[in-house]
Every structure is written in structure tokens, then in C-alpha cells.
C-alpha atoms as a PDB file:
ATOM      1  CA  MET A   1       8.290  48.002  28.115  1.00  0.00           C
ATOM      2  CA  PRO A   2       6.113  47.851  31.015  1.00  0.00           C
ATOM      3  CA  ASP A   3       6.863  45.570  33.996  1.00  0.00           C
ATOM      4  CA  GLN A   4       4.823  42.523  35.002  1.00  0.00           C
ATOM      5  CA  GLU A   5       2.969  44.362  37.780  1.00  0.00           C
ATOM      6  CA  ARG A   6       1.764  47.152  35.537  1.00  0.00           C
ATOM      7  CA  LEU A   7       0.516  44.213  33.206  1.00  0.00           C
ATOM      8  CA  ASP A   8      -1.375  42.697  36.147  1.00  0.00           C
ATOM      9  CA  ASP A   9      -2.970  45.910  36.975  1.00  0.00           C
ATOM     10  CA  PHE A  10      -4.123  46.668  33.643  1.00  0.00           C
ATOM     11  CA  LEU A  11      -5.712  43.028  33.575  1.00  0.00           C
ATOM     12  CA  GLU A  12      -7.247  43.298  36.896  1.00  0.00           C
ATOM     13  CA  ALA A  13      -8.631  46.916  36.102  1.00  0.00           C
ATOM     14  CA  LEU A  14      -9.949  45.526  32.798  1.00  0.00           C
ATOM     15  CA  GLU A  15     -11.723  42.765  34.369  1.00  0.00           C
ATOM     16  CA  LYS A  16     -13.207  44.901  37.158  1.00  0.00           C
ATOM     17  CA  ALA A  17     -14.528  47.524  34.521  1.00  0.00           C
ATOM     18  CA  GLY A  18     -16.146  44.655  32.496  1.00  0.00           C
ATOM     19  CA  SER A  19     -15.388  46.717  29.256  1.00  0.00           C
ATOM     20  CA  PRO A  20     -13.295  47.104  26.364  1.00  0.00           C
ATOM     21  CA  ALA A  21      -9.646  48.330  26.971  1.00  0.00           C
ATOM     22  CA  ARG A  22     -10.563  51.169  24.539  1.00  0.00           C
ATOM     23  CA  ASN A  23     -12.957  52.381  27.281  1.00  0.00           C
ATOM     24  CA  PRO A  24     -11.822  55.842  28.737  1.00  0.00           C
ATOM     25  CA  ALA A  25     -13.129  54.845  32.281  1.00  0.00           C
ATOM     26  CA  LEU A  26     -10.578  52.035  32.388  1.00  0.00           C
ATOM     27  CA  ARG A  27      -8.045  54.579  31.652  1.00  0.00           C
ATOM     28  CA  GLU A  28      -9.237  56.902  34.445  1.00  0.00           C
ATOM     29  CA  ALA A  29      -9.581  53.861  36.917  1.00  0.00           C
ATOM     30  CA  LEU A  30      -5.908  53.288  36.618  1.00  0.00           C
ATOM     31  CA  GLY A  31      -4.902  56.871  37.069  1.00  0.00           C
ATOM     32  CA  TRP A  32      -2.333  56.325  34.034  1.00  0.00           C
ATOM     33  CA  ASP A  33      -1.545  59.132  31.336  1.00  0.00           C
ATOM     34  CA  ASP A  34      -2.304  58.251  27.832  1.00  0.00           C
ATOM     35  CA  PRO A  35       1.211  57.132  26.702  1.00  0.00           C
ATOM     36  CA  LEU A  36       1.688  54.550  29.529  1.00  0.00           C
ATOM     37  CA  TYR A  37      -1.678  53.235  29.097  1.00  0.00           C
ATOM     38  CA  GLU A  38      -1.228  52.744  25.569  1.00  0.00           C
ATOM     39  CA  GLU A  39       2.312  51.416  26.066  1.00  0.00           C
ATOM     40  CA  VAL A  40       0.853  48.735  28.491  1.00  0.00           C
ATOM     41  CA  LYS A  41      -2.097  47.654  26.414  1.00  0.00           C
ATOM     42  CA  ALA A  42       0.217  46.964  23.513  1.00  0.00           C
ATOM     43  CA  GLU A  43       2.516  45.257  25.382  1.00  0.00           C
ATOM     44  CA  LEU A  44      -0.400  42.718  26.821  1.00  0.00           C
ATOM     45  CA  GLY A  45       0.173  39.563  24.982  1.00  0.00           C
ATOM     46  CA  PHE A  46      -2.005  37.255  23.156  1.00  0.00           C
ATOM     47  CA  GLU A  47      -2.037  34.619  25.963  1.00  0.00           C
ATOM     48  CA  ALA A  48      -3.171  36.986  28.572  1.00  0.00           C
ATOM     49  CA  LYS A  49      -6.039  38.364  26.304  1.00  0.00           C
ATOM     50  CA  LEU A  50      -6.937  34.689  25.509  1.00  0.00           C
ATOM     51  CA  TRP A  51      -7.043  34.038  29.627  1.00  0.00           C
ATOM     52  CA  LEU A  52      -8.991  36.934  30.074  1.00  0.00           C
ATOM     53  CA  THR A  53     -11.624  36.187  27.539  1.00  0.00           C
ATOM     54  CA  ALA A  54     -11.731  32.379  28.916  1.00  0.00           C
ATOM     55  CA  ASP A  55     -12.384  33.943  32.358  1.00  0.00           C
ATOM     56  CA  LYS A  56     -15.243  36.128  30.845  1.00  0.00           C
ATOM     57  CA  LEU A  57     -16.805  33.051  29.238  1.00  0.00           C
ATOM     58  CA  ARG A  58     -16.643  30.996  32.242  1.00  0.00           C
ATOM     59  CA  ASN A  59     -18.383  33.508  34.592  1.00  0.00           C
ATOM     60  CA  ASN A  60     -21.412  33.445  32.272  1.00  0.00           C
ATOM     61  CA  MET A  61     -21.996  29.937  31.705  1.00  0.00           C
ATOM     62  CA  ASP A  62     -22.265  26.617  33.605  1.00  0.00           C
ATOM     63  CA  ALA A  63     -19.304  24.503  33.913  1.00  0.00           C
ATOM     64  CA  ALA A  64     -21.109  21.557  31.957  1.00  0.00           C
ATOM     65  CA  GLU A  65     -21.285  23.889  29.050  1.00  0.00           C
ATOM     66  CA  TYR A  66     -17.950  25.307  29.131  1.00  0.00           C
ATOM     67  CA  LYS A  67     -16.311  22.111  28.623  1.00  0.00           C
ATOM     68  CA  HIS A  68     -17.933  22.132  25.162  1.00  0.00           C
ATOM     69  CA  VAL A  69     -16.141  25.409  24.334  1.00  0.00           C
ATOM     70  CA  VAL A  70     -12.799  24.304  25.950  1.00  0.00           C
ATOM     71  CA  LEU A  71     -12.884  20.894  23.903  1.00  0.00           C
ATOM     72  CA  GLY A  72     -13.505  22.679  20.724  1.00  0.00           C
ATOM     73  CA  LEU A  73     -10.659  24.827  21.402  1.00  0.00           C
ATOM     74  CA  ILE A  74      -8.374  21.843  22.151  1.00  0.00           C
ATOM     75  CA  PHE A  75      -9.586  20.163  18.859  1.00  0.00           C
ATOM     76  CA  LEU A  76      -8.970  23.326  16.722  1.00  0.00           C
ATOM     77  CA  LYS A  77      -5.176  23.541  18.354  1.00  0.00           C
ATOM     78  CA  TYR A  78      -4.898  19.903  17.258  1.00  0.00           C
ATOM     79  CA  ILE A  79      -6.155  20.465  13.904  1.00  0.00           C
ATOM     80  CA  ALA A  80      -3.878  23.640  13.623  1.00  0.00           C
ATOM     81  CA  GLY A  81      -0.901  21.849  14.562  1.00  0.00           C
ATOM     82  CA  SER A  82      -1.541  18.805  12.161  1.00  0.00           C
ATOM     83  CA  PHE A  83      -2.082  21.282   9.434  1.00  0.00           C
ATOM     84  CA  GLU A  84       1.077  23.023  10.021  1.00  0.00           C
ATOM     85  CA  GLU A  85       2.898  19.611  10.273  1.00  0.00           C
ATOM     86  CA  HIS A  86       1.435  18.362   6.746  1.00  0.00           C
ATOM     87  CA  ARG A  87       2.139  21.955   5.046  1.00  0.00           C
ATOM     88  CA  ALA A  88       5.896  21.764   6.197  1.00  0.00           C
ATOM     89  CA  LYS A  89       6.252  18.180   4.677  1.00  0.00           C
ATOM     90  CA  LEU A  90       4.700  19.226   1.380  1.00  0.00           C
ATOM     91  CA  LEU A  91       6.738  22.599   1.066  1.00  0.00           C
ATOM     92  CA  ALA A  92       9.916  20.408   1.942  1.00  0.00           C
ATOM     93  CA  ALA A  93       8.850  17.779  -0.889  1.00  0.00           C
END
């Protein structure tokens, strides 16, 4: 399991590269061998990927537009939570 420093290095290099994690240039920029690169890439959590995506979106759009994206995501999170709650009640009945 990679340490937090390696995960941070991976995210930083990914952001600088501006390309997908499968790009060989990113692997070369980090100077890691293939097994280490794949291990860190696999350990990268969903939340980190989501934040990285949000950062990329924020770089390409005005703050006034970005609020619509964020509000939509908050709404989807609320709906998903409500759905799971109601589903659990129906399964329990």
C-alpha cells in the first residue's frame, strides 16, 4: 500500500500532465517503475479522483457557471441518500 506522500506526488504529476493516468508520459515524469505506478494508481481513492475532476472543471469555467455544477451534484447526493433511505424502509417491511 503506497503512503500518502506517493499518492500526493501522483495527483500533483497528474494535474501537471493534464492527461489521463494511463498516459506513459506521467509514468516517466514520476520516474516510477510499472509495478509501483500501477499500485499507486489503484490505491488512489474515489474521493481524490472526484476532487481532481472538480479542480479541472473549475479551471475551465467561470465561478458563476461552476455553481450550477456544484448545486447539481449536491442535489444528486441528496436524492441518492433519500432513495437509499426509502429503499431500506421498503426492504425492511
